[in-house]
PDB file of N, CA and C in Angstrom:
ATOM      1  N   MET A   1      -6.723  37.428-235.342  1.00  0.00           N
ATOM      2  CA  MET A   1      -7.358  36.130-235.466  1.00  0.00           C
ATOM      3  C   MET A   1      -7.718  35.941-236.935  1.00  0.00           C
ATOM      4  N   PRO A   2      -7.286  34.820-237.532  1.00  0.00           N
ATOM      5  CA  PRO A   2      -7.641  34.543-238.922  1.00  0.00           C
ATOM      6  C   PRO A   2      -9.157  34.400-239.071  1.00  0.00           C
ATOM      7  N   LEU A   3      -9.703  35.049-240.058  1.00  0.00           N
ATOM      8  CA  LEU A   3     -11.150  35.036-240.245  1.00  0.00           C
ATOM      9  C   LEU A   3     -11.550  34.347-241.546  1.00  0.00           C
ATOM     10  N   GLY A   4     -10.880  33.249-241.842  1.00  0.00           N
ATOM     11  CA  GLY A   4     -11.240  32.442-243.004  1.00  0.00           C
ATOM     12  C   GLY A   4     -12.520  31.672-242.720  1.00  0.00           C
ATOM     13  N   PRO A   5     -12.719  30.564-243.413  1.00  0.00           N
ATOM     14  CA  PRO A   5     -13.935  29.761-243.227  1.00  0.00           C
ATOM     15  C   PRO A   5     -14.133  29.281-241.790  1.00  0.00           C
ATOM     16  N   ASP A   6     -13.056  29.139-241.044  1.00  0.00           N
ATOM     17  CA  ASP A   6     -13.160  28.699-239.651  1.00  0.00           C
ATOM     18  C   ASP A   6     -13.302  29.871-238.678  1.00  0.00           C
ATOM     19  N   GLY A   7     -13.397  31.089-239.193  1.00  0.00           N
ATOM     20  CA  GLY A   7     -13.488  32.271-238.339  1.00  0.00           C
ATOM     21  C   GLY A   7     -14.680  32.260-237.398  1.00  0.00           C
ATOM     22  N   PHE A   8     -15.820  31.773-237.869  1.00  0.00           N
ATOM     23  CA  PHE A   8     -17.006  31.718-237.003  1.00  0.00           C
ATOM     24  C   PHE A   8     -16.780  30.775-235.823  1.00  0.00           C
ATOM     25  N   ASP A   9     -16.122  29.641-236.108  1.00  0.00           N
ATOM     26  CA  ASP A   9     -15.816  28.697-235.027  1.00  0.00           C
ATOM     27  C   ASP A   9     -14.879  29.339-234.013  1.00  0.00           C
ATOM     28  N   ARG A  10     -13.895  30.080-234.508  1.00  0.00           N
ATOM     29  CA  ARG A  10     -12.941  30.729-233.612  1.00  0.00           C
ATOM     30  C   ARG A  10     -13.631  31.795-232.751  1.00  0.00           C
ATOM     31  N   LEU A  11     -14.510  32.574-233.372  1.00  0.00           N
ATOM     32  CA  LEU A  11     -15.225  33.602-232.617  1.00  0.00           C
ATOM     33  C   LEU A  11     -16.111  32.986-231.542  1.00  0.00           C
ATOM     34  N   GLU A  12     -16.764  31.889-231.865  1.00  0.00           N
ATOM     35  CA  GLU A  12     -17.610  31.199-230.886  1.00  0.00           C
ATOM     36  C   GLU A  12     -16.760  30.676-229.727  1.00  0.00           C
ATOM     37  N   ALA A  13     -15.591  30.125-230.044  1.00  0.00           N
ATOM     38  CA  ALA A  13     -14.700  29.609-229.000  1.00  0.00           C
ATOM     39  C   ALA A  13     -14.188  30.749-228.117  1.00  0.00           C
ATOM     40  N   VAL A  14     -13.862  31.884-228.720  1.00  0.00           N
ATOM     41  CA  VAL A  14     -13.408  33.038-227.938  1.00  0.00           C
ATOM     42  C   VAL A  14     -14.532  33.522-227.023  1.00  0.00           C
ATOM     43  N   GLY A  15     -15.761  33.508-227.514  1.00  0.00           N
ATOM     44  CA  GLY A  15     -16.899  33.902-226.684  1.00  0.00           C
ATOM     45  C   GLY A  15     -17.064  32.995-225.473  1.00  0.00           C
ATOM     46  N   ARG A  16     -16.911  31.681-225.682  1.00  0.00           N
ATOM     47  CA  ARG A  16     -17.002  30.747-224.558  1.00  0.00           C
ATOM     48  C   ARG A  16     -15.856  30.962-223.575  1.00  0.00           C
ATOM     49  N   LEU A  17     -14.651  31.203-224.101  1.00  0.00           N
ATOM     50  CA  LEU A  17     -13.493  31.447-223.241  1.00  0.00           C
ATOM     51  C   LEU A  17     -13.692  32.710-222.406  1.00  0.00           C
ATOM     52  N   LEU A  18     -14.130  33.790-223.040  1.00  0.00           N
ATOM     53  CA  LEU A  18     -14.351  35.038-222.303  1.00  0.00           C
ATOM     54  C   LEU A  18     -15.413  34.869-221.221  1.00  0.00           C
ATOM     55  N   ALA A  19     -16.471  34.169-221.540  1.00  0.00           N
ATOM     56  CA  ALA A  19     -17.523  33.930-220.549  1.00  0.00           C
ATOM     57  C   ALA A  19     -16.958  33.177-219.348  1.00  0.00           C
ATOM     58  N   ALA A  20     -16.149  32.151-219.610  1.00  0.00           N
ATOM     59  CA  ALA A  20     -15.563  31.365-218.520  1.00  0.00           C
ATOM     60  C   ALA A  20     -14.599  32.209-217.693  1.00  0.00           C
ATOM     61  N   LEU A  21     -13.799  33.012-218.361  1.00  0.00           N
ATOM     62  CA  LEU A  21     -12.809  33.835-217.649  1.00  0.00           C
ATOM     63  C   LEU A  21     -13.452  34.903-216.769  1.00  0.00           C
ATOM     64  N   HIS A  22     -14.620  35.374-217.164  1.00  0.00           N
ATOM     65  CA  HIS A  22     -15.274  36.458-216.427  1.00  0.00           C
ATOM     66  C   HIS A  22     -16.441  35.979-215.571  1.00  0.00           C
ATOM     67  N   GLY A  23     -16.505  34.661-215.344  1.00  0.00           N
ATOM     68  CA  GLY A  23     -17.505  34.114-214.433  1.00  0.00           C
ATOM     69  C   GLY A  23     -18.928  34.170-214.951  1.00  0.00           C
ATOM     70  N   ARG A  24     -19.097  34.297-216.240  1.00  0.00           N
ATOM     71  CA  ARG A  24     -20.446  34.306-216.810  1.00  0.00           C
ATOM     72  C   ARG A  24     -20.836  32.898-217.247  1.00  0.00           C
ATOM     73  N   GLU A  25     -22.112  32.735-217.523  1.00  0.00           N
ATOM     74  CA  GLU A  25     -22.580  31.436-217.996  1.00  0.00           C
ATOM     75  C   GLU A  25     -21.953  31.152-219.362  1.00  0.00           C
ATOM     76  N   VAL A  26     -21.345  29.990-219.483  1.00  0.00           N
ATOM     77  CA  VAL A  26     -20.673  29.613-220.725  1.00  0.00           C
ATOM     78  C   VAL A  26     -21.708  29.045-221.682  1.00  0.00           C
ATOM     79  N   PRO A  27     -21.801  29.625-222.890  1.00  0.00           N
ATOM     80  CA  PRO A  27     -22.755  29.091-223.869  1.00  0.00           C
ATOM     81  C   PRO A  27     -22.398  27.645-224.226  1.00  0.00           C
ATOM     82  N   PRO A  28     -23.379  26.853-224.589  1.00  0.00           N
ATOM     83  CA  PRO A  28     -23.092  25.460-224.932  1.00  0.00           C
ATOM     84  C   PRO A  28     -22.223  25.359-226.187  1.00  0.00           C
ATOM     85  N   ASP A  29     -21.396  24.349-226.203  1.00  0.00           N
ATOM     86  CA  ASP A  29     -20.565  24.062-227.372  1.00  0.00           C
ATOM     87  C   ASP A  29     -21.403  23.239-228.338  1.00  0.00           C
ATOM     88  N   THR A  30     -21.654  23.774-229.509  1.00  0.00           N
ATOM     89  CA  THR A  30     -22.573  23.139-230.454  1.00  0.00           C
ATOM     90  C   THR A  30     -21.858  22.347-231.551  1.00  0.00           C
ATOM     91  N   ARG A  31     -20.546  22.167-231.413  1.00  0.00           N
ATOM     92  CA  ARG A  31     -19.819  21.462-232.476  1.00  0.00           C
ATOM     93  C   ARG A  31     -20.158  19.982-232.541  1.00  0.00           C
ATOM     94  N   LEU A  32     -20.452  19.362-231.401  1.00  0.00           N
ATOM     95  CA  LEU A  32     -20.771  17.938-231.379  1.00  0.00           C
ATOM     96  C   LEU A  32     -22.151  17.717-230.779  1.00  0.00           C
ATOM     97  N   THR A  33     -22.889  16.798-231.363  1.00  0.00           N
ATOM     98  CA  THR A  33     -24.167  16.409-230.782  1.00  0.00           C
ATOM     99  C   THR A  33     -23.874  15.548-229.554  1.00  0.00           C
ATOM    100  N   PRO A  34     -24.833  15.358-228.671  1.00  0.00           N
ATOM    101  CA  PRO A  34     -24.600  14.473-227.530  1.00  0.00           C
ATOM    102  C   PRO A  34     -24.173  13.054-227.958  1.00  0.00           C
ATOM    103  N   GLN A  35     -24.719  12.572-229.070  1.00  0.00           N
ATOM    104  CA  GLN A  35     -24.356  11.243-229.555  1.00  0.00           C
ATOM    105  C   GLN A  35     -22.902  11.215-230.035  1.00  0.00           C
ATOM    106  N   GLN A  36     -22.481  12.258-230.742  1.00  0.00           N
ATOM    107  CA  GLN A  36     -21.098  12.323-231.211  1.00  0.00           C
ATOM    108  C   GLN A  36     -20.128  12.430-230.038  1.00  0.00           C
ATOM    109  N   LEU A  37     -20.502  13.193-229.047  1.00  0.00           N
ATOM    110  CA  LEU A  37     -19.664  13.338-227.860  1.00  0.00           C
ATOM    111  C   LEU A  37     -19.530  11.999-227.122  1.00  0.00           C
ATOM    112  N   ALA A  38     -20.642  11.269-226.989  1.00  0.00           N
ATOM    113  CA  ALA A  38     -20.609   9.961-226.324  1.00  0.00           C
ATOM    114  C   ALA A  38     -19.742   8.983-227.113  1.00  0.00           C
ATOM    115  N   ARG A  39     -19.844   9.000-228.432  1.00  0.00           N
ATOM    116  CA  ARG A  39     -19.016   8.103-229.248  1.00  0.00           C
ATOM    117  C   ARG A  39     -17.539   8.462-229.125  1.00  0.00           C
ATOM    118  N   ALA A  40     -17.224   9.744-229.141  1.00  0.00           N
ATOM    119  CA  ALA A  40     -15.827  10.160-228.992  1.00  0.00           C
ATOM    120  C   ALA A  40     -15.278   9.695-227.640  1.00  0.00           C
ATOM    121  N   ARG A  41     -16.084   9.806-226.607  1.00  0.00           N
ATOM    122  CA  ARG A  41     -15.664   9.347-225.275  1.00  0.00           C
ATOM    123  C   ARG A  41     -15.401   7.840-225.279  1.00  0.00           C
ATOM    124  N   ARG A  42     -16.302   7.072-225.903  1.00  0.00           N
ATOM    125  CA  ARG A  42     -16.114   5.615-225.968  1.00  0.00           C
ATOM    126  C   ARG A  42     -14.885   5.253-226.806  1.00  0.00           C
ATOM    127  N   MET A  43     -14.630   6.017-227.887  1.00  0.00           N
ATOM    128  CA  MET A  43     -13.444   5.752-228.693  1.00  0.00           C
ATOM    129  C   MET A  43     -12.178   5.943-227.871  1.00  0.00           C
ATOM    130  N   LEU A  44     -12.131   7.011-227.091  1.00  0.00           N
ATOM    131  CA  LEU A  44     -10.949   7.268-226.264  1.00  0.00           C
ATOM    132  C   LEU A  44     -10.796   6.209-225.184  1.00  0.00           C
ATOM    133  N   GLN A  45     -11.903   5.778-224.600  1.00  0.00           N
ATOM    134  CA  GLN A  45     -11.843   4.721-223.594  1.00  0.00           C
ATOM    135  C   GLN A  45     -11.340   3.414-224.219  1.00  0.00           C
ATOM    136  N   ALA A  46     -11.832   3.103-225.421  1.00  0.00           N
ATOM    137  CA  ALA A  46     -11.399   1.882-226.106  1.00  0.00           C
ATOM    138  C   ALA A  46      -9.915   1.952-226.441  1.00  0.00           C
ATOM    139  N   ALA A  47      -9.466   3.098-226.941  1.00  0.00           N
ATOM    140  CA  ALA A  47      -8.049   3.255-227.279  1.00  0.00           C
ATOM    141  C   ALA A  47      -7.186   3.142-226.036  1.00  0.00           C
ATOM    142  N   ASP A  48      -7.632   3.717-224.944  1.00  0.00           N
ATOM    143  CA  ASP A  48      -6.887   3.651-223.695  1.00  0.00           C
ATOM    144  C   ASP A  48      -6.799   2.202-223.209  1.00  0.00           C
ATOM    145  N   GLY A  49      -7.911   1.491-223.250  1.00  0.00           N
ATOM    146  CA  GLY A  49      -7.917   0.089-222.839  1.00  0.00           C
ATOM    147  C   GLY A  49      -7.001  -0.746-223.718  1.00  0.00           C
ATOM    148  N   HIS A  50      -7.086  -0.538-225.024  1.00  0.00           N
ATOM    149  CA  HIS A  50      -6.244  -1.285-225.958  1.00  0.00           C
ATOM    150  C   HIS A  50      -4.763  -0.991-225.703  1.00  0.00           C
ATOM    151  N   HIS A  51      -4.457   0.276-225.490  1.00  0.00           N
ATOM    152  CA  HIS A  51      -3.068   0.695-225.215  1.00  0.00           C
ATOM    153  C   HIS A  51      -2.540   0.039-223.936  1.00  0.00           C
ATOM    154  N   ASN A  52      -3.426  -0.203-222.988  1.00  0.00           N
ATOM    155  CA  ASN A  52      -3.024  -0.811-221.719  1.00  0.00           C
ATOM    156  C   ASN A  52      -3.155  -2.330-221.709  1.00  0.00           C
ATOM    157  N   GLY A  53      -3.348  -2.922-222.888  1.00  0.00           N
ATOM    158  CA  GLY A  53      -3.304  -4.378-223.001  1.00  0.00           C
ATOM    159  C   GLY A  53      -4.633  -5.102-222.893  1.00  0.00           C
ATOM    160  N   ALA A  54      -5.739  -4.384-222.825  1.00  0.00           N
ATOM    161  CA  ALA A  54      -7.044  -5.051-222.752  1.00  0.00           C
ATOM    162  C   ALA A  54      -7.391  -5.660-224.108  1.00  0.00           C
ATOM    163  N   THR A  55      -8.049  -6.792-224.076  1.00  0.00           N
ATOM    164  CA  THR A  55      -8.520  -7.406-225.317  1.00  0.00           C
ATOM    165  C   THR A  55      -9.787  -6.684-225.765  1.00  0.00           C
ATOM    166  N   GLN A  56     -10.162  -6.910-227.016  1.00  0.00           N
ATOM    167  CA  GLN A  56     -11.396  -6.296-227.510  1.00  0.00           C
ATOM    168  C   GLN A  56     -12.598  -6.777-226.711  1.00  0.00           C
ATOM    169  N   LYS A  57     -12.573  -8.032-226.317  1.00  0.00           N
ATOM    170  CA  LYS A  57     -13.669  -8.585-225.520  1.00  0.00           C
ATOM    171  C   LYS A  57     -13.743  -7.888-224.167  1.00  0.00           C
ATOM    172  N   GLU A  58     -12.605  -7.656-223.533  1.00  0.00           N
ATOM    173  CA  GLU A  58     -12.584  -6.955-222.245  1.00  0.00           C
ATOM    174  C   GLU A  58     -13.057  -5.508-222.402  1.00  0.00           C
ATOM    175  N   ILE A  59     -12.686  -4.884-223.501  1.00  0.00           N
ATOM    176  CA  ILE A  59     -13.136  -3.515-223.769  1.00  0.00           C
ATOM    177  C   ILE A  59     -14.653  -3.483-223.889  1.00  0.00           C
ATOM    178  N   ALA A  60     -15.226  -4.452-224.597  1.00  0.00           N
ATOM    179  CA  ALA A  60     -16.684  -4.519-224.751  1.00  0.00           C
ATOM    180  C   ALA A  60     -17.368  -4.732-223.411  1.00  0.00           C
ATOM    181  N   GLU A  61     -16.785  -5.573-222.575  1.00  0.00           N
ATOM    182  CA  GLU A  61     -17.376  -5.837-221.264  1.00  0.00           C
ATOM    183  C   GLU A  61     -17.478  -4.567-220.438  1.00  0.00           C
ATOM    184  N   VAL A  62     -16.479  -3.702-220.543  1.00  0.00           N
ATOM    185  CA  VAL A  62     -16.462  -2.483-219.733  1.00  0.00           C
ATOM    186  C   VAL A  62     -17.255  -1.358-220.400  1.00  0.00           C
ATOM    187  N   ILE A  63     -16.942  -1.066-221.651  1.00  0.00           N
ATOM    188  CA  ILE A  63     -17.546   0.097-222.313  1.00  0.00           C
ATOM    189  C   ILE A  63     -18.990  -0.163-222.727  1.00  0.00           C
ATOM    190  N   LEU A  64     -19.252  -1.340-223.274  1.00  0.00           N
ATOM    191  CA  LEU A  64     -20.586  -1.643-223.787  1.00  0.00           C
ATOM    192  C   LEU A  64     -21.420  -2.456-222.812  1.00  0.00           C
ATOM    193  N   ASP A  65     -20.847  -2.776-221.662  1.00  0.00           N
ATOM    194  CA  ASP A  65     -21.547  -3.501-220.602  1.00  0.00           C
ATOM    195  C   ASP A  65     -22.180  -4.794-221.118  1.00  0.00           C
ATOM    196  N   THR A  66     -21.382  -5.582-221.842  1.00  0.00           N
ATOM    197  CA  THR A  66     -21.899  -6.822-222.421  1.00  0.00           C
ATOM    198  C   THR A  66     -21.967  -7.959-221.413  1.00  0.00           C
ATOM    199  N   GLY A  67     -21.284  -7.808-220.299  1.00  0.00           N
ATOM    200  CA  GLY A  67     -21.171  -8.944-219.385  1.00  0.00           C
ATOM    201  C   GLY A  67     -20.144  -9.906-219.948  1.00  0.00           C
ATOM    202  N   ARG A  68     -19.951 -10.991-219.260  1.00  0.00           N
ATOM    203  CA  ARG A  68     -18.958 -11.974-219.709  1.00  0.00           C
ATOM    204  C   ARG A  68     -19.574 -12.848-220.795  1.00  0.00           C
ATOM    205  N   LEU A  69     -18.921 -12.871-221.945  1.00  0.00           N
ATOM    206  CA  LEU A  69     -19.392 -13.670-223.071  1.00  0.00           C
ATOM    207  C   LEU A  69     -18.451 -14.843-223.298  1.00  0.00           C
ATOM    208  N   THR A  70     -19.016 -15.974-223.712  1.00  0.00           N
ATOM    209  CA  THR A  70     -18.169 -17.102-224.097  1.00  0.00           C
ATOM    210  C   THR A  70     -17.500 -16.763-225.421  1.00  0.00           C
ATOM    211  N   ARG A  71     -16.535 -17.563-225.801  1.00  0.00           N
ATOM    212  CA  ARG A  71     -15.826 -17.320-227.062  1.00  0.00           C
ATOM    213  C   ARG A  71     -16.801 -17.323-228.247  1.00  0.00           C
ATOM    214  N   ASP A  72     -17.707 -18.299-228.268  1.00  0.00           N
ATOM    215  CA  ASP A  72     -18.674 -18.390-229.367  1.00  0.00           C
ATOM    216  C   ASP A  72     -19.645 -17.210-229.361  1.00  0.00           C
ATOM    217  N   GLU A  73     -20.100 -16.820-228.182  1.00  0.00           N
ATOM    218  CA  GLU A  73     -20.994 -15.658-228.081  1.00  0.00           C
ATOM    219  C   GLU A  73     -20.274 -14.405-228.572  1.00  0.00           C
ATOM    220  N   TRP A  74     -19.004 -14.275-228.206  1.00  0.00           N
ATOM    221  CA  TRP A  74     -18.229 -13.104-228.612  1.00  0.00           C
ATOM    222  C   TRP A  74     -18.064 -13.062-230.131  1.00  0.00           C
ATOM    223  N   GLN A  75     -17.779 -14.197-230.741  1.00  0.00           N
ATOM    224  CA  GLN A  75     -17.594 -14.241-232.192  1.00  0.00           C
ATOM    225  C   GLN A  75     -18.860 -13.814-232.941  1.00  0.00           C
ATOM    226  N   ALA A  76     -20.028 -14.100-232.387  1.00  0.00           N
ATOM    227  CA  ALA A  76     -21.302 -13.779-233.035  1.00  0.00           C
ATOM    228  C   ALA A  76     -21.890 -12.448-232.562  1.00  0.00           C
ATOM    229  N   SER A  77     -21.219 -11.792-231.644  1.00  0.00           N
ATOM    230  CA  SER A  77     -21.776 -10.603-231.004  1.00  0.00           C
ATOM    231  C   SER A  77     -21.606  -9.338-231.855  1.00  0.00           C
ATOM    232  N   SER A  78     -22.653  -8.523-231.878  1.00  0.00           N
ATOM    233  CA  SER A  78     -22.544  -7.220-232.554  1.00  0.00           C
ATOM    234  C   SER A  78     -21.586  -6.306-231.784  1.00  0.00           C
ATOM    235  N   ALA A  79     -21.401  -6.575-230.498  1.00  0.00           N
ATOM    236  CA  ALA A  79     -20.470  -5.776-229.692  1.00  0.00           C
ATOM    237  C   ALA A  79     -19.050  -5.912-230.223  1.00  0.00           C
ATOM    238  N   ARG A  80     -18.715  -7.061-230.779  1.00  0.00           N
ATOM    239  CA  ARG A  80     -17.379  -7.272-231.348  1.00  0.00           C
ATOM    240  C   ARG A  80     -17.125  -6.267-232.467  1.00  0.00           C
ATOM    241  N   HIS A  81     -18.105  -6.120-233.344  1.00  0.00           N
ATOM    242  CA  HIS A  81     -17.958  -5.171-234.459  1.00  0.00           C
ATOM    243  C   HIS A  81     -18.005  -3.728-233.964  1.00  0.00           C
ATOM    244  N   ALA A  82     -18.778  -3.489-232.921  1.00  0.00           N
ATOM    245  CA  ALA A  82     -18.835  -2.141-232.348  1.00  0.00           C
ATOM    246  C   ALA A  82     -17.478  -1.738-231.786  1.00  0.00           C
ATOM    247  N   VAL A  83     -16.821  -2.649-231.085  1.00  0.00           N
ATOM    248  CA  VAL A  83     -15.498  -2.348-230.517  1.00  0.00           C
ATOM    249  C   VAL A  83     -14.479  -2.135-231.630  1.00  0.00           C
ATOM    250  N   MET A  84     -14.551  -2.952-232.678  1.00  0.00           N
ATOM    251  CA  MET A  84     -13.630  -2.759-233.801  1.00  0.00           C
ATOM    252  C   MET A  84     -13.832  -1.380-234.419  1.00  0.00           C
ATOM    253  N   GLY A  85     -15.090  -0.943-234.529  1.00  0.00           N
ATOM    254  CA  GLY A  85     -15.382   0.392-235.055  1.00  0.00           C
ATOM    255  C   GLY A  85     -14.872   1.493-234.139  1.00  0.00           C
ATOM    256  N   LEU A  86     -15.036   1.302-232.844  1.00  0.00           N
ATOM    257  CA  LEU A  86     -14.521   2.295-231.886  1.00  0.00           C
ATOM    258  C   LEU A  86     -13.002   2.410-231.979  1.00  0.00           C
ATOM    259  N   LEU A  87     -12.335   1.282-232.078  1.00  0.00           N
ATOM    260  CA  LEU A  87     -10.870   1.309-232.178  1.00  0.00           C
ATOM    261  C   LEU A  87     -10.412   1.912-233.507  1.00  0.00           C
ATOM    262  N   ARG A  88     -11.129   1.616-234.576  1.00  0.00           N
ATOM    263  CA  ARG A  88     -10.803   2.202-235.881  1.00  0.00           C
ATOM    264  C   ARG A  88     -10.977   3.725-235.838  1.00  0.00           C
ATOM    265  N   GLY A  89     -12.084   4.169-235.236  1.00  0.00           N
ATOM    266  CA  GLY A  89     -12.313   5.611-235.098  1.00  0.00           C
ATOM    267  C   GLY A  89     -11.276   6.274-234.213  1.00  0.00           C
ATOM    268  N   ALA A  90     -10.880   5.584-233.145  1.00  0.00           N
ATOM    269  CA  ALA A  90      -9.863   6.129-232.239  1.00  0.00           C
ATOM    270  C   ALA A  90      -8.532   6.274-232.953  1.00  0.00           C
ATOM    271  N   ARG A  91      -8.156   5.271-233.757  1.00  0.00           N
ATOM    272  CA  ARG A  91      -6.895   5.372-234.506  1.00  0.00           C
ATOM    273  C   ARG A  91      -6.932   6.545-235.472  1.00  0.00           C
ATOM    274  N   ALA A  92      -8.082   6.771-236.115  1.00  0.00           N
ATOM    275  CA  ALA A  92      -8.205   7.908-237.037  1.00  0.00           C
ATOM    276  C   ALA A  92      -8.084   9.233-236.282  1.00  0.00           C
ATOM    277  N   MET A  93      -8.698   9.301-235.095  1.00  0.00           N
ATOM    278  CA  MET A  93      -8.588  10.522-234.292  1.00  0.00           C
ATOM    279  C   MET A  93      -7.154  10.777-233.870  1.00  0.00           C
ATOM    280  N   ILE A  94      -6.484   9.722-233.421  1.00  0.00           N
ATOM    281  CA  ILE A  94      -5.105   9.851-232.961  1.00  0.00           C
ATOM    282  C   ILE A  94      -4.196  10.273-234.116  1.00  0.00           C
ATOM    283  N   ALA A  95      -4.524   9.849-235.323  1.00  0.00           N
ATOM    284  CA  ALA A  95      -3.722  10.180-236.504  1.00  0.00           C
ATOM    285  C   ALA A  95      -3.988  11.586-237.023  1.00  0.00           C
ATOM    286  N   GLY A  96      -4.768  12.369-236.313  1.00  0.00           N
ATOM    287  CA  GLY A  96      -5.008  13.753-236.712  1.00  0.00           C
ATOM    288  C   GLY A  96      -6.464  14.107-236.913  1.00  0.00           C
ATOM    289  N   GLY A  97      -7.345  13.126-236.889  1.00  0.00           N
ATOM    290  CA  GLY A  97      -8.764  13.395-237.091  1.00  0.00           C
ATOM    291  C   GLY A  97      -9.400  14.193-235.970  1.00  0.00           C
ATOM    292  N   TYR A  98      -8.722  14.261-234.810  1.00  0.00           N
ATOM    293  CA  TYR A  98      -9.258  15.032-233.693  1.00  0.00           C
ATOM    294  C   TYR A  98      -9.454  16.496-234.074  1.00  0.00           C
ATOM    295  N   ARG A  99      -8.732  16.969-235.076  1.00  0.00           N
ATOM    296  CA  ARG A  99      -8.866  18.378-235.497  1.00  0.00           C
ATOM    297  C   ARG A  99     -10.283  18.678-235.986  1.00  0.00           C
ATOM    298  N   LYS A 100     -10.946  17.656-236.525  1.00  0.00           N
ATOM    299  CA  LYS A 100     -12.317  17.851-236.994  1.00  0.00           C
ATOM    300  C   LYS A 100     -13.252  18.192-235.834  1.00  0.00           C
ATOM    301  N   LEU A 101     -12.891  17.781-234.619  1.00  0.00           N
ATOM    302  CA  LEU A 101     -13.716  18.092-233.452  1.00  0.00           C
ATOM    303  C   LEU A 101     -13.739  19.587-233.160  1.00  0.00           C
ATOM    304  N   LEU A 102     -12.740  20.302-233.661  1.00  0.00           N
ATOM    305  CA  LEU A 102     -12.631  21.727-233.373  1.00  0.00           C
ATOM    306  C   LEU A 102     -13.491  22.586-234.290  1.00  0.00           C
ATOM    307  N   ARG A 103     -14.073  21.972-235.316  1.00  0.00           N
ATOM    308  CA  ARG A 103     -14.830  22.741-236.298  1.00  0.00           C
ATOM    309  C   ARG A 103     -16.274  22.252-236.386  1.00  0.00           C
ATOM    310  N   HIS A 104     -17.150  23.173-236.761  1.00  0.00           N
ATOM    311  CA  HIS A 104     -18.519  22.783-237.072  1.00  0.00           C
ATOM    312  C   HIS A 104     -18.510  22.104-238.437  1.00  0.00           C
ATOM    313  N   ARG A 105     -19.447  21.216-238.649  1.00  0.00           N
ATOM    314  CA  ARG A 105     -19.574  20.610-239.973  1.00  0.00           C
ATOM    315  C   ARG A 105     -20.080  21.663-240.941  1.00  0.00           C
ATOM    316  N   ARG A 106     -19.518  21.690-242.110  1.00  0.00           N
ATOM    317  CA  ARG A 106     -19.903  22.657-243.133  1.00  0.00           C
ATOM    318  C   ARG A 106     -20.362  21.915-244.378  1.00  0.00           C
ATOM    319  N   ARG A 107     -21.315  22.504-245.024  1.00  0.00           N
ATOM    320  CA  ARG A 107     -21.732  21.945-246.314  1.00  0.00           C
ATOM    321  C   ARG A 107     -20.683  22.344-247.339  1.00  0.00           C
ATOM    322  N   SER A 108     -20.386  21.418-248.232  1.00  0.00           N
ATOM    323  CA  SER A 108     -19.349  21.691-249.249  1.00  0.00           C
ATOM    324  C   SER A 108     -19.870  22.601-250.320  1.00  0.00           C
TER     325      SER A 108
END
């Protein structure tokens, strides 16, 4: 196993894998905060909806529970910008940014 700067992350992942394989309690995965995990989930849901032909407004109605908005309400809604951000983040993840999920954040 390579033990470069990511070695600690790899060792932690191996520990979780071994615990799962041997029926022991699996230690929590500390790479993402609950907020980061929730955002990643919403990004994937938004990307999936977009891929299946949903409009940004429809995505907001489902993911952000905005209810049905009129065209004018939608144009002025903060949910519109939130969905655009989710889709932008999803595109970055799909383009390879998902690899960052595998590592702990490190100070430079």
